């Protein structure tokens, strides 16, 4: 069910999330345009609105912009953390889920990832 997952880099945590191009087809249709908004529900049931855009010419290079930085701040994401987007098509109305995971290190070695619980803070996005 995972549409895509990614270990976050510097640009992903400070500006936009670069989406692997091979997962472009699993995102909502651009319907001939270069940007599309979609919503994703996090583990606490909060609905986030993101905008995915692609270049108008050449290699599409999809990125999430609108809503992404608020999500990063809310989850306190850092380089090395992981993000997962999945599309649930079993519901009457298909919807996306988004999950953030913190990198877990033991003695400096990456041991795995732990889901991040939402904060009780409100962000307008």
Protein backbone atom coordinates (compact mmCIF):
# COMPACT_ATOMS: atom_id res chain seq x y z
CA UNK A 1 0.00 0.00 0.00
CA UNK A 2 2.98 2.39 0.29
CA UNK A 3 2.83 4.77 -2.63
CA UNK A 4 6.31 6.04 -1.86
CA UNK A 5 8.72 6.48 1.01
CA UNK A 6 11.84 8.55 1.26
CA UNK A 7 14.66 9.31 3.67
CA UNK A 8 14.75 13.08 3.93
CA UNK A 9 17.67 15.20 2.75
CA UNK A 10 18.51 18.84 3.47
CA UNK A 11 16.27 20.36 0.76
CA UNK A 12 13.41 18.04 1.84
CA UNK A 13 13.49 19.46 5.38
CA UNK A 14 14.11 23.11 4.51
CA UNK A 15 12.21 23.83 1.28
CA UNK A 16 10.29 21.24 -0.74
CA UNK A 17 9.95 17.46 -0.78
CA UNK A 18 11.34 15.99 -3.97
CA UNK A 19 9.07 13.10 -4.99
CA UNK A 20 10.71 10.20 -6.85
CA UNK A 21 9.56 10.54 -10.48
CA UNK A 22 8.62 6.85 -10.71
CA UNK A 23 5.79 7.53 -8.21
CA UNK A 24 4.26 10.39 -10.21
CA UNK A 25 1.49 8.13 -11.54
CA UNK A 26 0.35 7.25 -8.00
CA UNK A 27 -0.35 10.93 -7.23
CA UNK A 28 -3.58 12.70 -8.23
CA UNK A 29 -3.93 13.54 -11.91
CA UNK A 30 -2.48 16.86 -13.07
CA UNK A 31 -5.14 16.94 -15.83
CA UNK A 32 -2.77 18.66 -18.26
CA UNK A 33 -1.61 21.25 -15.71
CA UNK A 34 1.64 21.53 -13.78
CA UNK A 35 0.28 21.59 -10.20
CA UNK A 36 -2.31 19.68 -8.20
CA UNK A 37 -3.45 19.92 -4.59
CA UNK A 38 -4.30 16.84 -2.57
CA UNK A 39 -4.99 15.98 1.03
CA UNK A 40 -3.36 13.36 3.21
CA UNK A 41 -4.33 12.18 6.69
CA UNK A 42 -1.59 11.71 9.30
CA UNK A 43 -1.51 9.11 12.10
CA UNK A 44 -3.56 11.34 14.44
CA UNK A 45 -6.29 11.95 11.85
CA UNK A 46 -5.17 15.49 10.99
CA UNK A 47 -5.75 16.38 7.34
CA UNK A 48 -2.84 18.09 5.56
CA UNK A 49 -3.20 19.86 2.22
CA UNK A 50 -0.18 19.59 -0.06
CA UNK A 51 0.52 20.92 -3.52
CA UNK A 52 2.55 18.80 -5.92
CA UNK A 53 3.99 20.54 -8.95
CA UNK A 54 6.02 19.47 -11.94
CA UNK A 55 8.13 21.37 -14.46
CA UNK A 56 6.27 22.63 -17.49
CA UNK A 57 8.98 21.35 -19.87
CA UNK A 58 11.59 18.61 -19.83
CA UNK A 59 11.99 16.16 -16.93
CA UNK A 60 8.93 16.56 -14.67
CA UNK A 61 10.81 16.49 -11.28
CA UNK A 62 7.75 16.46 -8.97
CA UNK A 63 7.97 18.36 -5.67
CA UNK A 64 5.62 18.99 -2.77
CA UNK A 65 5.56 22.65 -1.85
CA UNK A 66 2.41 24.14 -0.33
CA UNK A 67 1.77 22.64 3.10
CA UNK A 68 5.04 20.73 3.18
CA UNK A 69 7.06 23.11 5.40
CA UNK A 70 4.21 23.34 7.95
CA UNK A 71 4.20 19.52 8.07
CA UNK A 72 8.00 19.44 8.58
CA UNK A 73 7.77 21.99 11.41
CA UNK A 74 4.86 20.23 13.09
CA UNK A 75 6.61 16.86 13.03
CA UNK A 76 10.04 18.40 13.79
CA UNK A 77 11.55 16.47 10.90
CA UNK A 78 15.30 16.44 10.36
CA UNK A 79 17.68 15.15 7.70
CA UNK A 80 17.71 11.34 7.92
CA UNK A 81 14.09 11.01 9.04
CA UNK A 82 11.68 9.09 6.80
CA UNK A 83 8.36 9.98 5.18
CA UNK A 84 5.78 7.58 3.76
CA UNK A 85 2.80 8.38 1.57
CA UNK A 86 0.23 5.71 0.80
CA UNK A 87 -3.00 5.64 -1.16
CA UNK A 88 -5.86 3.76 0.47
CA UNK A 89 -8.10 2.61 -2.36
CA UNK A 90 -10.19 0.20 -0.29
CA UNK A 91 -12.37 2.97 1.17
CA UNK A 92 -15.51 4.21 -0.59
CA UNK A 93 -13.58 7.41 -1.35
CA UNK A 94 -9.85 6.77 -1.92
CA UNK A 95 -7.57 8.85 0.30
CA UNK A 96 -3.87 9.38 1.01
CA UNK A 97 -2.13 8.74 4.31
CA UNK A 98 1.13 10.39 5.34
CA UNK A 99 3.43 9.06 8.05
CA UNK A 100 6.61 10.59 9.41
CA UNK A 101 9.25 8.45 11.13
CA UNK A 102 12.25 9.53 13.21
CA UNK A 103 15.61 7.93 12.58
CA UNK A 104 16.63 5.77 15.57
CA UNK A 105 20.37 5.50 16.19
CA UNK A 106 22.18 3.28 18.66
CA UNK A 107 25.86 4.00 19.17
CA UNK A 108 25.81 6.10 15.99
CA UNK A 109 24.42 3.32 13.80
CA UNK A 110 20.96 3.59 12.26
CA UNK A 111 18.85 1.00 14.05
CA UNK A 112 15.56 1.74 12.31
CA UNK A 113 12.70 4.24 12.27
CA UNK A 114 10.02 5.10 14.82
CA UNK A 115 6.65 6.69 13.95
CA UNK A 116 6.31 10.31 15.05
CA UNK A 117 3.28 11.18 17.14
CA UNK A 118 1.56 14.46 16.33
CA UNK A 119 1.97 17.45 18.58
CA UNK A 120 -1.07 19.24 19.98
CA UNK A 121 -0.02 22.37 18.15
CA UNK A 122 -2.18 23.97 15.50
CA UNK A 123 -0.59 25.10 12.26
CA UNK A 124 -2.48 27.00 9.64
CA UNK A 125 -1.51 25.73 6.20
